[in-house]
Amino acid sequence: MNMMERYDSYRAKVELWLAGRFVPAQDQADGLRQAMLYTLTPGGKRVRPVLCLEFARICGLEPDDALPVACAVELLHTYSLIHDDLPCMDDDDERRGKPSNHVRFGEGTAVLAGDCLQAEAFAAVCDAPIPEADRYRCCRILSGAAGLGGICGGQFMDLNDTDITAEGLTATDLCKTAALIGAACAMGAAAAGADEDTVAAARDFGAALGMAFQCRDDALDGDGFCALLGPEKCREMTEGYTQDAYALLDAFDDTDFLRQLTKKLAEREE
């Protein structure tokens, strides 16, 4: 199985799990369920759950057993997208080529959709068919990526950083993009029962990949580091973080998929 075949296999498993998680029930909360599914499915590249599944595999766990853990990361990611788009946050009216959640369903429902997706992320981890101690570790990693040192803290920095600097952008990106991608990798290792050094190495790889991913996004969108430092410096940063990610994979065996995926993400055109 080549890299894209494995990626597509993982992605198909994720899409199937997510589509079946919130089946319409014609009850009083069905409108909220529809708002959640609106942003959740169909989604984007599913990079985070794919990384989680692959780290579970290389650390010795059958990927299917890590599927609820991997999808928990995507639920949390989707919550962050809905809330980031809100008028009180980044005030974006469009996401992935269609109206943002609050434009489609109203601001109150969008807030609740995000809140519910965050709660359901932790419920998904609790449903995983892995030992209780490993479920606990995964929940702890995910909460770290969501809270003060993660998405919420990073968004606060973003809202209050009126004097934009490279240091400020780095701090924000480390708390948002890098923290959640790092958590996805660490959770895959933790779900497989890996020791703490291995979990930390997975997180470090994910954080480096996350920074490369964000720098490439900035280059494609012409904002962030690209707007502040110029496209050439942004390209150099993408390459530097990518090389860091490659080096961190030396702690693991069977990393061909991860190395090819890292290269693909750093060179993507969309």
C-alpha atoms as a PDB file:
ATOM      1  CA  MET A   1       0.000   0.000   0.000  1.00  0.00           C
ATOM      2  CA  ASN A   2       1.521   3.323  -1.039  1.00  0.00           C
ATOM      3  CA  MET A   3       1.244   6.571   0.904  1.00  0.00           C
ATOM      4  CA  MET A   4      -1.900   7.905  -0.781  1.00  0.00           C
ATOM      5  CA  GLU A   5      -3.652   4.545  -0.606  1.00  0.00           C
ATOM      6  CA  ARG A   6      -3.046   4.375   3.130  1.00  0.00           C
ATOM      7  CA  TYR A   7      -4.051   8.012   3.551  1.00  0.00           C
ATOM      8  CA  ASP A   8      -7.294   7.456   1.635  1.00  0.00           C
ATOM      9  CA  SER A   9      -7.994   4.296   3.657  1.00  0.00           C
ATOM     10  CA  TYR A  10      -7.576   6.172   6.927  1.00  0.00           C
ATOM     11  CA  ARG A  11      -9.632   9.085   5.672  1.00  0.00           C
ATOM     12  CA  ALA A  12     -12.479   6.805   4.576  1.00  0.00           C
ATOM     13  CA  LYS A  13     -12.597   5.232   8.045  1.00  0.00           C
ATOM     14  CA  VAL A  14     -12.724   8.682   9.640  1.00  0.00           C
ATOM     15  CA  GLU A  15     -15.492   9.915   7.333  1.00  0.00           C
ATOM     16  CA  LEU A  16     -17.598   6.816   8.036  1.00  0.00           C
ATOM     17  CA  TRP A  17     -17.180   7.144  11.811  1.00  0.00           C
ATOM     18  CA  LEU A  18     -18.003  10.857  11.819  1.00  0.00           C
ATOM     19  CA  ALA A  19     -21.050  10.466   9.575  1.00  0.00           C
ATOM     20  CA  GLY A  20     -22.465   7.814  11.888  1.00  0.00           C
ATOM     21  CA  ARG A  21     -21.829   9.666  15.143  1.00  0.00           C
ATOM     22  CA  PHE A  22     -24.661  12.205  14.955  1.00  0.00           C
ATOM     23  CA  VAL A  23     -27.458  10.545  12.995  1.00  0.00           C
ATOM     24  CA  PRO A  24     -30.568  12.754  12.643  1.00  0.00           C
ATOM     25  CA  ALA A  25     -33.141  11.715  15.231  1.00  0.00           C
ATOM     26  CA  GLN A  26     -36.089  14.081  14.630  1.00  0.00           C
ATOM     27  CA  ASP A  27     -35.953  15.190  18.251  1.00  0.00           C
ATOM     28  CA  GLN A  28     -35.873  18.679  19.770  1.00  0.00           C
ATOM     29  CA  ALA A  29     -32.075  18.857  19.488  1.00  0.00           C
ATOM     30  CA  ASP A  30     -31.981  17.828  15.838  1.00  0.00           C
ATOM     31  CA  GLY A  31     -31.323  21.387  14.675  1.00  0.00           C
ATOM     32  CA  LEU A  32     -28.183  21.449  16.805  1.00  0.00           C
ATOM     33  CA  ARG A  33     -27.134  18.088  15.389  1.00  0.00           C
ATOM     34  CA  GLN A  34     -27.565  19.440  11.869  1.00  0.00           C
ATOM     35  CA  ALA A  35     -25.421  22.475  12.682  1.00  0.00           C
ATOM     36  CA  MET A  36     -22.663  20.231  14.009  1.00  0.00           C
ATOM     37  CA  LEU A  37     -22.743  18.014  10.930  1.00  0.00           C
ATOM     38  CA  TYR A  38     -22.784  21.038   8.620  1.00  0.00           C
ATOM     39  CA  THR A  39     -19.197  21.927   9.488  1.00  0.00           C
ATOM     40  CA  LEU A  40     -18.047  18.446  10.440  1.00  0.00           C
ATOM     41  CA  THR A  41     -19.074  16.662   7.224  1.00  0.00           C
ATOM     42  CA  PRO A  42     -17.849  16.840   4.589  1.00  0.00           C
ATOM     43  CA  GLY A  43     -14.667  18.148   6.080  1.00  0.00           C
ATOM     44  CA  GLY A  44     -11.181  18.984   4.950  1.00  0.00           C
ATOM     45  CA  LYS A  45      -8.068  16.894   4.553  1.00  0.00           C
ATOM     46  CA  ARG A  46      -8.519  15.045   7.897  1.00  0.00           C
ATOM     47  CA  VAL A  47      -4.773  15.398   8.484  1.00  0.00           C
ATOM     48  CA  ARG A  48      -5.079  15.253  12.271  1.00  0.00           C
ATOM     49  CA  PRO A  49      -6.993  11.975  12.583  1.00  0.00           C
ATOM     50  CA  VAL A  50      -4.831  10.407   9.868  1.00  0.00           C
ATOM     51  CA  LEU A  51      -1.717  11.260  11.883  1.00  0.00           C
ATOM     52  CA  CYS A  52      -3.302   9.848  15.018  1.00  0.00           C
ATOM     53  CA  LEU A  53      -4.136   6.556  13.298  1.00  0.00           C
ATOM     54  CA  GLU A  54      -0.646   6.230  11.827  1.00  0.00           C
ATOM     55  CA  PHE A  55       1.082   6.842  15.161  1.00  0.00           C
ATOM     56  CA  ALA A  56      -1.189   4.243  16.741  1.00  0.00           C
ATOM     57  CA  ARG A  57      -0.144   1.802  14.017  1.00  0.00           C
ATOM     58  CA  ILE A  58       3.605   2.367  14.273  1.00  0.00           C
ATOM     59  CA  CYS A  59       3.360   2.108  18.069  1.00  0.00           C
ATOM     60  CA  GLY A  60       1.678  -1.288  17.833  1.00  0.00           C
ATOM     61  CA  LEU A  61      -2.095  -0.719  17.937  1.00  0.00           C
ATOM     62  CA  GLU A  62      -4.570  -1.763  15.276  1.00  0.00           C
ATOM     63  CA  PRO A  63      -5.689   1.573  13.731  1.00  0.00           C
ATOM     64  CA  ASP A  64      -9.370   0.642  13.953  1.00  0.00           C
ATOM     65  CA  ASP A  65      -9.036   0.519  17.736  1.00  0.00           C
ATOM     66  CA  ALA A  66      -7.728   4.077  17.728  1.00  0.00           C
ATOM     67  CA  LEU A  67     -10.484   5.387  15.449  1.00  0.00           C
ATOM     68  CA  PRO A  68     -12.609   7.033  18.190  1.00  0.00           C
ATOM     69  CA  VAL A  69      -9.475   8.727  19.551  1.00  0.00           C
ATOM     70  CA  ALA A  70      -8.504   9.984  16.094  1.00  0.00           C
ATOM     71  CA  CYS A  71     -12.000  11.268  15.411  1.00  0.00           C
ATOM     72  CA  ALA A  72     -12.038  13.014  18.784  1.00  0.00           C
ATOM     73  CA  VAL A  73      -9.235  15.220  17.496  1.00  0.00           C
ATOM     74  CA  GLU A  74     -11.302  16.094  14.439  1.00  0.00           C
ATOM     75  CA  LEU A  75     -14.348  16.903  16.591  1.00  0.00           C
ATOM     76  CA  LEU A  76     -12.244  19.288  18.657  1.00  0.00           C
ATOM     77  CA  HIS A  77     -10.709  20.801  15.529  1.00  0.00           C
ATOM     78  CA  THR A  78     -14.162  21.395  14.044  1.00  0.00           C
ATOM     79  CA  TYR A  79     -15.355  23.085  17.238  1.00  0.00           C
ATOM     80  CA  SER A  80     -12.402  25.469  16.960  1.00  0.00           C
ATOM     81  CA  LEU A  81     -13.246  26.302  13.333  1.00  0.00           C
ATOM     82  CA  ILE A  82     -16.856  27.155  14.180  1.00  0.00           C
ATOM     83  CA  HIS A  83     -15.854  29.369  17.090  1.00  0.00           C
ATOM     84  CA  ASP A  84     -12.969  31.035  15.218  1.00  0.00           C
ATOM     85  CA  ASP A  85     -15.411  32.165  12.511  1.00  0.00           C
ATOM     86  CA  LEU A  86     -17.795  33.853  14.979  1.00  0.00           C
ATOM     87  CA  PRO A  87     -18.300  37.629  14.743  1.00  0.00           C
ATOM     88  CA  CYS A  88     -16.724  38.069  18.181  1.00  0.00           C
ATOM     89  CA  MET A  89     -13.616  36.142  17.065  1.00  0.00           C
ATOM     90  CA  ASP A  90     -12.234  36.263  13.499  1.00  0.00           C
ATOM     91  CA  ASP A  91     -15.585  37.277  11.977  1.00  0.00           C
ATOM     92  CA  ASP A  92     -15.383  35.103   8.850  1.00  0.00           C
ATOM     93  CA  ASP A  93     -18.528  34.606   6.777  1.00  0.00           C
ATOM     94  CA  GLU A  94     -17.218  31.696   4.719  1.00  0.00           C
ATOM     95  CA  ARG A  95     -15.524  28.372   5.488  1.00  0.00           C
ATOM     96  CA  ARG A  96     -14.421  25.840   2.863  1.00  0.00           C
ATOM     97  CA  GLY A  97     -16.377  27.558   0.118  1.00  0.00           C
ATOM     98  CA  LYS A  98     -19.722  27.767   1.911  1.00  0.00           C
ATOM     99  CA  PRO A  99     -21.308  30.060   4.523  1.00  0.00           C
ATOM    100  CA  SER A 100     -19.810  29.807   7.994  1.00  0.00           C
ATOM    101  CA  ASN A 101     -21.813  27.984  10.645  1.00  0.00           C
ATOM    102  CA  HIS A 102     -23.102  31.162  12.305  1.00  0.00           C
ATOM    103  CA  VAL A 103     -24.178  32.588   8.938  1.00  0.00           C
ATOM    104  CA  ARG A 104     -26.112  29.424   8.116  1.00  0.00           C
ATOM    105  CA  PHE A 105     -27.635  28.653  11.536  1.00  0.00           C
ATOM    106  CA  GLY A 106     -27.345  31.818  13.605  1.00  0.00           C
ATOM    107  CA  GLU A 107     -24.740  32.837  16.148  1.00  0.00           C
ATOM    108  CA  GLY A 108     -26.342  31.159  19.161  1.00  0.00           C
ATOM    109  CA  THR A 109     -26.670  27.785  17.463  1.00  0.00           C
ATOM    110  CA  ALA A 110     -23.100  28.032  16.156  1.00  0.00           C
ATOM    111  CA  VAL A 111     -21.786  28.625  19.682  1.00  0.00           C
ATOM    112  CA  LEU A 112     -23.700  25.598  20.940  1.00  0.00           C
ATOM    113  CA  ALA A 113     -22.570  23.461  17.983  1.00  0.00           C
ATOM    114  CA  GLY A 114     -18.961  24.215  18.859  1.00  0.00           C
ATOM    115  CA  ASP A 115     -19.561  23.602  22.564  1.00  0.00           C
ATOM    116  CA  CYS A 116     -21.236  20.276  21.835  1.00  0.00           C
ATOM    117  CA  LEU A 117     -18.480  19.115  19.474  1.00  0.00           C
ATOM    118  CA  GLN A 118     -15.884  19.812  22.158  1.00  0.00           C
ATOM    119  CA  ALA A 119     -17.835  17.784  24.711  1.00  0.00           C
ATOM    120  CA  GLU A 120     -18.404  14.973  22.230  1.00  0.00           C
ATOM    121  CA  ALA A 121     -14.668  14.835  21.526  1.00  0.00           C
ATOM    122  CA  PHE A 122     -13.984  13.668  25.065  1.00  0.00           C
ATOM    123  CA  ALA A 123     -16.933  11.273  24.947  1.00  0.00           C
ATOM    124  CA  ALA A 124     -15.411   9.730  21.816  1.00  0.00           C
ATOM    125  CA  VAL A 125     -12.110   9.081  23.604  1.00  0.00           C
ATOM    126  CA  CYS A 126     -14.027   7.419  26.427  1.00  0.00           C
ATOM    127  CA  ASP A 127     -15.644   5.087  23.881  1.00  0.00           C
ATOM    128  CA  ALA A 128     -12.340   3.829  22.464  1.00  0.00           C
ATOM    129  CA  PRO A 129     -11.688   0.072  22.883  1.00  0.00           C
ATOM    130  CA  ILE A 130      -8.346   0.607  24.642  1.00  0.00           C
ATOM    131  CA  PRO A 131      -7.309   0.277  28.303  1.00  0.00           C
ATOM    132  CA  GLU A 132      -8.768   2.823  30.700  1.00  0.00           C
ATOM    133  CA  ALA A 133      -5.340   4.210  31.569  1.00  0.00           C
ATOM    134  CA  ASP A 134      -4.676   4.956  27.908  1.00  0.00           C
ATOM    135  CA  ARG A 135      -8.091   6.599  27.501  1.00  0.00           C
ATOM    136  CA  TYR A 136      -7.217   8.826  30.448  1.00  0.00           C
ATOM    137  CA  ARG A 137      -3.890   9.774  28.884  1.00  0.00           C
ATOM    138  CA  CYS A 138      -5.584  10.630  25.598  1.00  0.00           C
ATOM    139  CA  CYS A 139      -8.154  12.806  27.360  1.00  0.00           C
ATOM    140  CA  ARG A 140      -5.415  14.613  29.231  1.00  0.00           C
ATOM    141  CA  ILE A 141      -3.464  15.278  26.029  1.00  0.00           C
ATOM    142  CA  LEU A 142      -6.576  16.525  24.243  1.00  0.00           C
ATOM    143  CA  SER A 143      -7.550  18.848  27.094  1.00  0.00           C
ATOM    144  CA  GLY A 144      -4.070  20.332  27.018  1.00  0.00           C
ATOM    145  CA  ALA A 145      -4.450  21.116  23.332  1.00  0.00           C
ATOM    146  CA  ALA A 146      -7.839  22.745  23.961  1.00  0.00           C
ATOM    147  CA  GLY A 147      -7.205  24.906  27.027  1.00  0.00           C
ATOM    148  CA  LEU A 148      -4.935  27.709  28.212  1.00  0.00           C
ATOM    149  CA  GLY A 149      -1.833  26.272  26.565  1.00  0.00           C
ATOM    150  CA  GLY A 150      -3.721  25.301  23.435  1.00  0.00           C
ATOM    151  CA  ILE A 151      -6.556  26.547  21.247  1.00  0.00           C
ATOM    152  CA  CYS A 152      -8.257  28.841  23.774  1.00  0.00           C
ATOM    153  CA  GLY A 153      -5.028  30.465  24.925  1.00  0.00           C
ATOM    154  CA  GLY A 154      -3.850  30.853  21.345  1.00  0.00           C
ATOM    155  CA  GLN A 155      -7.119  32.436  20.229  1.00  0.00           C
ATOM    156  CA  PHE A 156      -6.928  34.870  23.156  1.00  0.00           C
ATOM    157  CA  MET A 157      -3.427  35.867  22.036  1.00  0.00           C
ATOM    158  CA  ASP A 158      -4.716  36.284  18.493  1.00  0.00           C
ATOM    159  CA  LEU A 159      -7.548  38.556  19.614  1.00  0.00           C
ATOM    160  CA  ASN A 160      -5.331  40.720  21.796  1.00  0.00           C
ATOM    161  CA  ASP A 161      -2.132  40.922  19.736  1.00  0.00           C
ATOM    162  CA  THR A 162      -2.436  44.445  18.335  1.00  0.00           C
ATOM    163  CA  ASP A 163       1.306  44.762  17.642  1.00  0.00           C
ATOM    164  CA  ILE A 164       1.912  41.798  15.339  1.00  0.00           C
ATOM    165  CA  THR A 165       5.429  40.357  15.518  1.00  0.00           C
ATOM    166  CA  ALA A 166       7.052  37.129  14.350  1.00  0.00           C
ATOM    167  CA  GLU A 167       7.407  36.090  18.002  1.00  0.00           C
ATOM    168  CA  GLY A 168       3.735  36.743  18.647  1.00  0.00           C
ATOM    169  CA  LEU A 169       2.652  34.806  15.564  1.00  0.00           C
ATOM    170  CA  THR A 170       4.877  31.896  16.560  1.00  0.00           C
ATOM    171  CA  ALA A 171       3.435  31.810  20.074  1.00  0.00           C
ATOM    172  CA  THR A 172      -0.115  31.850  18.720  1.00  0.00           C
ATOM    173  CA  ASP A 173       0.553  29.149  16.121  1.00  0.00           C
ATOM    174  CA  LEU A 174       2.282  26.936  18.695  1.00  0.00           C
ATOM    175  CA  CYS A 175      -0.869  27.093  20.824  1.00  0.00           C
ATOM    176  CA  LYS A 176      -3.298  26.529  17.972  1.00  0.00           C
ATOM    177  CA  THR A 177      -2.196  24.647  14.843  1.00  0.00           C
ATOM    178  CA  ALA A 178       0.945  23.081  16.305  1.00  0.00           C
ATOM    179  CA  ALA A 179      -0.637  22.104  19.629  1.00  0.00           C
ATOM    180  CA  LEU A 180      -3.527  20.214  18.072  1.00  0.00           C
ATOM    181  CA  ILE A 181      -1.437  18.436  15.434  1.00  0.00           C
ATOM    182  CA  GLY A 182       1.040  17.571  18.178  1.00  0.00           C
ATOM    183  CA  ALA A 183      -1.813  16.250  20.301  1.00  0.00           C
ATOM    184  CA  ALA A 184      -3.095  14.108  17.423  1.00  0.00           C
ATOM    185  CA  CYS A 185       0.281  12.400  17.103  1.00  0.00           C
ATOM    186  CA  ALA A 186       0.731  12.028  20.868  1.00  0.00           C
ATOM    187  CA  MET A 187      -2.766  10.587  21.279  1.00  0.00           C
ATOM    188  CA  GLY A 188      -2.071   7.937  18.656  1.00  0.00           C
ATOM    189  CA  ALA A 189       1.022   6.860  20.572  1.00  0.00           C
ATOM    190  CA  ALA A 190      -0.772   7.024  23.929  1.00  0.00           C
ATOM    191  CA  ALA A 191      -3.710   4.989  22.618  1.00  0.00           C
ATOM    192  CA  ALA A 192      -1.206   2.276  21.711  1.00  0.00           C
ATOM    193  CA  GLY A 193       0.162   2.255  25.263  1.00  0.00           C
ATOM    194  CA  ALA A 194       3.503   3.819  24.348  1.00  0.00           C
ATOM    195  CA  ASP A 195       5.746   5.088  27.137  1.00  0.00           C
ATOM    196  CA  GLU A 196       5.875   8.776  27.984  1.00  0.00           C
ATOM    197  CA  ASP A 197       9.136   9.413  26.119  1.00  0.00           C
ATOM    198  CA  THR A 198       7.591   8.019  22.951  1.00  0.00           C
ATOM    199  CA  VAL A 199       4.411  10.041  23.443  1.00  0.00           C
ATOM    200  CA  ALA A 200       6.527  13.181  23.918  1.00  0.00           C
ATOM    201  CA  ALA A 201       8.544  12.433  20.774  1.00  0.00           C
ATOM    202  CA  ALA A 202       5.308  12.023  18.809  1.00  0.00           C
ATOM    203  CA  ARG A 203       4.037  15.340  20.159  1.00  0.00           C
ATOM    204  CA  ASP A 204       7.292  17.105  19.252  1.00  0.00           C
ATOM    205  CA  PHE A 205       7.112  15.782  15.700  1.00  0.00           C
ATOM    206  CA  GLY A 206       3.508  16.925  15.418  1.00  0.00           C
ATOM    207  CA  ALA A 207       4.345  20.388  16.716  1.00  0.00           C
ATOM    208  CA  ALA A 208       7.132  20.814  14.142  1.00  0.00           C
ATOM    209  CA  LEU A 209       4.849  19.522  11.391  1.00  0.00           C
ATOM    210  CA  GLY A 210       2.116  21.856  12.626  1.00  0.00           C
ATOM    211  CA  MET A 211       4.385  24.881  12.348  1.00  0.00           C
ATOM    212  CA  ALA A 212       5.446  23.838   8.844  1.00  0.00           C
ATOM    213  CA  PHE A 213       1.784  23.334   7.963  1.00  0.00           C
ATOM    214  CA  GLN A 214       0.874  26.803   9.258  1.00  0.00           C
ATOM    215  CA  CYS A 215       3.755  28.504   7.473  1.00  0.00           C
ATOM    216  CA  ARG A 216       2.702  26.843   4.221  1.00  0.00           C
ATOM    217  CA  ASP A 217      -0.872  28.004   4.821  1.00  0.00           C
ATOM    218  CA  ASP A 218       0.405  31.536   5.340  1.00  0.00           C
ATOM    219  CA  ALA A 219       2.350  31.359   2.083  1.00  0.00           C
ATOM    220  CA  LEU A 220      -0.699  30.126   0.166  1.00  0.00           C
ATOM    221  CA  ASP A 221      -3.026  32.728   1.720  1.00  0.00           C
ATOM    222  CA  GLY A 222      -0.564  35.621   1.760  1.00  0.00           C
ATOM    223  CA  ASP A 223      -1.134  36.370   5.432  1.00  0.00           C
ATOM    224  CA  GLY A 224       0.494  35.560   8.777  1.00  0.00           C
ATOM    225  CA  PHE A 225       4.248  35.070   8.422  1.00  0.00           C
ATOM    226  CA  CYS A 226       4.072  35.701   4.688  1.00  0.00           C
ATOM    227  CA  ALA A 227       2.476  39.127   5.135  1.00  0.00           C
ATOM    228  CA  LEU A 228       4.835  40.055   7.960  1.00  0.00           C
ATOM    229  CA  LEU A 229       8.167  38.671   6.727  1.00  0.00           C
ATOM    230  CA  GLY A 230       7.668  38.111   3.005  1.00  0.00           C
ATOM    231  CA  PRO A 231       7.182  34.956   0.906  1.00  0.00           C
ATOM    232  CA  GLU A 232      10.858  33.953   0.796  1.00  0.00           C
ATOM    233  CA  LYS A 233      11.268  34.009   4.575  1.00  0.00           C
ATOM    234  CA  CYS A 234       7.984  32.151   4.941  1.00  0.00           C
ATOM    235  CA  ARG A 235       9.258  29.485   2.538  1.00  0.00           C
ATOM    236  CA  GLU A 236      12.488  29.177   4.547  1.00  0.00           C
ATOM    237  CA  MET A 237      10.494  28.750   7.745  1.00  0.00           C
ATOM    238  CA  THR A 238       8.365  26.031   6.171  1.00  0.00           C
ATOM    239  CA  GLU A 239      11.500  24.179   5.092  1.00  0.00           C
ATOM    240  CA  GLY A 240      13.164  24.614   8.483  1.00  0.00           C
ATOM    241  CA  TYR A 241      10.216  23.223  10.421  1.00  0.00           C
ATOM    242  CA  THR A 242       9.874  20.400   7.890  1.00  0.00           C
ATOM    243  CA  GLN A 243      13.515  19.395   8.434  1.00  0.00           C
ATOM    244  CA  ASP A 244      12.903  19.499  12.200  1.00  0.00           C
ATOM    245  CA  ALA A 245       9.964  17.149  11.730  1.00  0.00           C
ATOM    246  CA  TYR A 246      12.033  14.721   9.659  1.00  0.00           C
ATOM    247  CA  ALA A 247      14.733  14.630  12.347  1.00  0.00           C
ATOM    248  CA  LEU A 248      12.204  13.940  15.094  1.00  0.00           C
ATOM    249  CA  LEU A 249      10.944  10.887  13.200  1.00  0.00           C
ATOM    250  CA  ASP A 250      14.318   9.226  13.798  1.00  0.00           C
ATOM    251  CA  ALA A 251      12.946   8.154  17.186  1.00  0.00           C
ATOM    252  CA  PHE A 252      10.470   5.823  15.434  1.00  0.00           C
ATOM    253  CA  ASP A 253      10.553   2.827  13.102  1.00  0.00           C
ATOM    254  CA  ASP A 254       8.523   2.387   9.905  1.00  0.00           C
ATOM    255  CA  THR A 255       8.162   6.092   9.157  1.00  0.00           C
ATOM    256  CA  ASP A 256       8.001   6.106   5.351  1.00  0.00           C
ATOM    257  CA  PHE A 257       4.340   7.135   5.369  1.00  0.00           C
ATOM    258  CA  LEU A 258       4.947   9.975   7.818  1.00  0.00           C
ATOM    259  CA  ARG A 259       7.961  11.256   5.904  1.00  0.00           C
ATOM    260  CA  GLN A 260       6.076  11.253   2.610  1.00  0.00           C
ATOM    261  CA  LEU A 261       3.068  12.928   4.204  1.00  0.00           C
ATOM    262  CA  THR A 262       5.293  15.585   5.792  1.00  0.00           C
ATOM    263  CA  LYS A 263       6.799  16.367   2.389  1.00  0.00           C
ATOM    264  CA  LYS A 264       3.383  16.461   0.715  1.00  0.00           C
ATOM    265  CA  LEU A 265       1.966  18.879   3.287  1.00  0.00           C
ATOM    266  CA  ALA A 266       4.991  21.187   3.052  1.00  0.00           C
ATOM    267  CA  GLU A 267       4.704  21.365  -0.737  1.00  0.00           C
ATOM    268  CA  ARG A 268       0.917  21.469  -1.134  1.00  0.00           C
ATOM    269  CA  GLU A 269      -0.676  24.072  -3.399  1.00  0.00           C
ATOM    270  CA  GLU A 270      -4.072  24.280  -1.672  1.00  0.00           C
END
